[in-house]
């Protein structure tokens, strides 16, 4: 990986060569020279989807990649908890059901069952 200051300068000016290299590496299934281990790289991607209020299907590939890299479901859910102080309650509440479905857990259905049992 290049020296961090150089990478930041290249990103700040939108260096086409760097951007193309990173995107091409990602397409090829590489980690784009992030200097992160595969699990951390995958968890950052999950967190990014939470931050940008991504569509539900986007979470599927991110969770699959995180699991393939060795992340536990607890670590994936931990992305929501880590993001909460920065992103706020509304964004995390919105993301929780989407992330749940990607993990194979239907939060909405579980809440409905709980309501039926309580009522």
C-alpha atoms as a PDB file:
ATOM      1  CA  UNK A   1       0.000   0.000   0.000  1.00  0.00           C
ATOM      2  CA  UNK A   2       1.109   3.517  -0.703  1.00  0.00           C
ATOM      3  CA  UNK A   3       2.017   5.919   2.074  1.00  0.00           C
ATOM      4  CA  UNK A   4      -1.244   7.028   3.742  1.00  0.00           C
ATOM      5  CA  UNK A   5      -0.697  10.728   3.089  1.00  0.00           C
ATOM      6  CA  UNK A   6      -0.204  10.064  -0.604  1.00  0.00           C
ATOM      7  CA  UNK A   7      -3.366   7.965  -0.774  1.00  0.00           C
ATOM      8  CA  UNK A   8      -5.344  10.721   0.970  1.00  0.00           C
ATOM      9  CA  UNK A   9      -4.014  13.329  -1.448  1.00  0.00           C
ATOM     10  CA  UNK A  10      -4.882  11.143  -4.434  1.00  0.00           C
ATOM     11  CA  UNK A  11      -8.378  10.520  -3.082  1.00  0.00           C
ATOM     12  CA  UNK A  12      -8.883  14.217  -2.305  1.00  0.00           C
ATOM     13  CA  UNK A  13      -8.268  15.157  -5.934  1.00  0.00           C
ATOM     14  CA  UNK A  14     -10.278  12.238  -7.304  1.00  0.00           C
ATOM     15  CA  UNK A  15      -7.227  10.606  -8.917  1.00  0.00           C
ATOM     16  CA  UNK A  16      -8.744   8.530 -11.733  1.00  0.00           C
ATOM     17  CA  UNK A  17      -5.911   6.003 -11.742  1.00  0.00           C
ATOM     18  CA  UNK A  18      -6.289   5.248  -8.040  1.00  0.00           C
ATOM     19  CA  UNK A  19     -10.071   5.128  -8.174  1.00  0.00           C
ATOM     20  CA  UNK A  20      -9.999   2.827 -11.199  1.00  0.00           C
ATOM     21  CA  UNK A  21      -7.425   0.575  -9.506  1.00  0.00           C
ATOM     22  CA  UNK A  22      -9.498   0.268  -6.319  1.00  0.00           C
ATOM     23  CA  UNK A  23     -12.749  -0.392  -8.168  1.00  0.00           C
ATOM     24  CA  UNK A  24     -11.110  -2.907 -10.538  1.00  0.00           C
ATOM     25  CA  UNK A  25      -9.551  -4.749  -7.605  1.00  0.00           C
ATOM     26  CA  UNK A  26     -12.929  -4.950  -5.884  1.00  0.00           C
ATOM     27  CA  UNK A  27     -14.553  -6.319  -9.035  1.00  0.00           C
ATOM     28  CA  UNK A  28     -11.856  -8.977  -9.174  1.00  0.00           C
ATOM     29  CA  UNK A  29     -12.579  -9.948  -5.566  1.00  0.00           C
ATOM     30  CA  UNK A  30      -9.526  -8.324  -4.005  1.00  0.00           C
ATOM     31  CA  UNK A  31      -9.528  -5.991  -1.037  1.00  0.00           C
ATOM     32  CA  UNK A  32      -8.374  -2.895  -2.917  1.00  0.00           C
ATOM     33  CA  UNK A  33      -5.210  -2.456  -0.897  1.00  0.00           C
ATOM     34  CA  UNK A  34      -7.098  -1.259   2.174  1.00  0.00           C
ATOM     35  CA  UNK A  35      -4.504  -2.795   4.517  1.00  0.00           C
ATOM     36  CA  UNK A  36      -7.406  -4.269   6.477  1.00  0.00           C
ATOM     37  CA  UNK A  37      -7.735  -7.954   7.186  1.00  0.00           C
ATOM     38  CA  UNK A  38     -10.602  -9.622   5.281  1.00  0.00           C
ATOM     39  CA  UNK A  39     -12.978  -9.733   8.252  1.00  0.00           C
ATOM     40  CA  UNK A  40     -12.472  -6.085   9.163  1.00  0.00           C
ATOM     41  CA  UNK A  41     -12.803  -5.112   5.506  1.00  0.00           C
ATOM     42  CA  UNK A  42     -16.151  -6.931   5.299  1.00  0.00           C
ATOM     43  CA  UNK A  43     -17.443  -5.423   8.555  1.00  0.00           C
ATOM     44  CA  UNK A  44     -16.550  -1.924   7.355  1.00  0.00           C
ATOM     45  CA  UNK A  45     -18.677  -2.616   4.281  1.00  0.00           C
ATOM     46  CA  UNK A  46     -21.630  -3.646   6.468  1.00  0.00           C
ATOM     47  CA  UNK A  47     -21.195  -0.456   8.477  1.00  0.00           C
ATOM     48  CA  UNK A  48     -21.061   1.599   5.308  1.00  0.00           C
ATOM     49  CA  UNK A  49     -24.373   0.161   4.147  1.00  0.00           C
ATOM     50  CA  UNK A  50     -25.899   1.106   7.492  1.00  0.00           C
ATOM     51  CA  UNK A  51     -24.509   4.641   7.203  1.00  0.00           C
ATOM     52  CA  UNK A  52     -25.882   5.178   3.711  1.00  0.00           C
ATOM     53  CA  UNK A  53     -29.299   3.643   4.457  1.00  0.00           C
ATOM     54  CA  UNK A  54     -28.781   1.056   1.737  1.00  0.00           C
ATOM     55  CA  UNK A  55     -31.549  -1.013   0.236  1.00  0.00           C
ATOM     56  CA  UNK A  56     -32.321  -4.333   1.843  1.00  0.00           C
ATOM     57  CA  UNK A  57     -30.778  -6.552  -0.891  1.00  0.00           C
ATOM     58  CA  UNK A  58     -27.433  -4.800  -0.485  1.00  0.00           C
ATOM     59  CA  UNK A  59     -27.063  -6.273   2.965  1.00  0.00           C
ATOM     60  CA  UNK A  60     -27.194  -9.843   1.657  1.00  0.00           C
ATOM     61  CA  UNK A  61     -23.862  -9.796  -0.175  1.00  0.00           C
ATOM     62  CA  UNK A  62     -22.204  -7.793   2.606  1.00  0.00           C
ATOM     63  CA  UNK A  63     -23.296 -10.238   5.301  1.00  0.00           C
ATOM     64  CA  UNK A  64     -22.290 -13.205   3.143  1.00  0.00           C
ATOM     65  CA  UNK A  65     -18.850 -11.650   2.609  1.00  0.00           C
ATOM     66  CA  UNK A  66     -18.467 -10.928   6.337  1.00  0.00           C
ATOM     67  CA  UNK A  67     -19.410 -14.493   7.257  1.00  0.00           C
ATOM     68  CA  UNK A  68     -17.060 -15.882   4.589  1.00  0.00           C
ATOM     69  CA  UNK A  69     -14.284 -13.778   6.099  1.00  0.00           C
ATOM     70  CA  UNK A  70     -14.936 -15.291   9.538  1.00  0.00           C
ATOM     71  CA  UNK A  71     -17.208 -12.692  11.129  1.00  0.00           C
ATOM     72  CA  UNK A  72     -19.802 -13.996  13.555  1.00  0.00           C
ATOM     73  CA  UNK A  73     -23.408 -12.840  13.492  1.00  0.00           C
ATOM     74  CA  UNK A  74     -22.683 -11.066  16.786  1.00  0.00           C
ATOM     75  CA  UNK A  75     -19.897  -9.083  15.106  1.00  0.00           C
ATOM     76  CA  UNK A  76     -22.163  -8.186  12.201  1.00  0.00           C
ATOM     77  CA  UNK A  77     -24.862  -6.949  14.588  1.00  0.00           C
ATOM     78  CA  UNK A  78     -22.086  -5.174  16.481  1.00  0.00           C
ATOM     79  CA  UNK A  79     -21.742  -2.918  13.432  1.00  0.00           C
ATOM     80  CA  UNK A  80     -25.171  -1.505  14.278  1.00  0.00           C
ATOM     81  CA  UNK A  81     -24.213  -0.898  17.892  1.00  0.00           C
ATOM     82  CA  UNK A  82     -20.901   0.716  16.942  1.00  0.00           C
ATOM     83  CA  UNK A  83     -22.658   2.984  14.437  1.00  0.00           C
ATOM     84  CA  UNK A  84     -25.404   4.109  16.825  1.00  0.00           C
ATOM     85  CA  UNK A  85     -23.550   6.980  18.548  1.00  0.00           C
ATOM     86  CA  UNK A  86     -22.394   8.396  15.203  1.00  0.00           C
ATOM     87  CA  UNK A  87     -25.425   7.795  12.987  1.00  0.00           C
ATOM     88  CA  UNK A  88     -28.193   8.162  15.530  1.00  0.00           C
ATOM     89  CA  UNK A  89     -31.141   6.105  16.603  1.00  0.00           C
ATOM     90  CA  UNK A  90     -33.316   6.593  13.510  1.00  0.00           C
ATOM     91  CA  UNK A  91     -30.717   5.258  11.066  1.00  0.00           C
ATOM     92  CA  UNK A  92     -29.899   2.224  13.215  1.00  0.00           C
ATOM     93  CA  UNK A  93     -33.573   1.440  13.858  1.00  0.00           C
ATOM     94  CA  UNK A  94     -34.168   1.574  10.097  1.00  0.00           C
ATOM     95  CA  UNK A  95     -31.185  -0.692   9.374  1.00  0.00           C
ATOM     96  CA  UNK A  96     -31.902  -3.345  12.021  1.00  0.00           C
ATOM     97  CA  UNK A  97     -34.669  -5.205  10.116  1.00  0.00           C
ATOM     98  CA  UNK A  98     -32.674  -5.074   6.864  1.00  0.00           C
ATOM     99  CA  UNK A  99     -29.602  -6.488   8.531  1.00  0.00           C
ATOM    100  CA  UNK A 100     -31.746  -9.043  10.339  1.00  0.00           C
ATOM    101  CA  UNK A 101     -33.145 -10.394   7.074  1.00  0.00           C
ATOM    102  CA  UNK A 102     -29.636 -10.683   5.638  1.00  0.00           C
ATOM    103  CA  UNK A 103     -28.705 -12.717   8.702  1.00  0.00           C
ATOM    104  CA  UNK A 104     -31.765 -14.935   8.234  1.00  0.00           C
ATOM    105  CA  UNK A 105     -33.779 -13.385  11.051  1.00  0.00           C
ATOM    106  CA  UNK A 106     -37.077 -11.668  10.298  1.00  0.00           C
ATOM    107  CA  UNK A 107     -37.302  -8.902  12.894  1.00  0.00           C
ATOM    108  CA  UNK A 108     -40.767  -7.836  11.745  1.00  0.00           C
ATOM    109  CA  UNK A 109     -42.202 -11.326  12.055  1.00  0.00           C
ATOM    110  CA  UNK A 110     -40.597 -11.771  15.478  1.00  0.00           C
ATOM    111  CA  UNK A 111     -42.133  -8.507  16.669  1.00  0.00           C
ATOM    112  CA  UNK A 112     -45.561  -9.558  15.383  1.00  0.00           C
ATOM    113  CA  UNK A 113     -45.297 -12.902  17.213  1.00  0.00           C
ATOM    114  CA  UNK A 114     -44.303 -11.086  20.396  1.00  0.00           C
ATOM    115  CA  UNK A 115     -47.326  -8.788  20.044  1.00  0.00           C
ATOM    116  CA  UNK A 116     -49.638 -11.781  19.527  1.00  0.00           C
ATOM    117  CA  UNK A 117     -48.233 -13.541  22.592  1.00  0.00           C
ATOM    118  CA  UNK A 118     -48.500 -10.405  24.719  1.00  0.00           C
ATOM    119  CA  UNK A 119     -52.025  -9.534  23.541  1.00  0.00           C
END
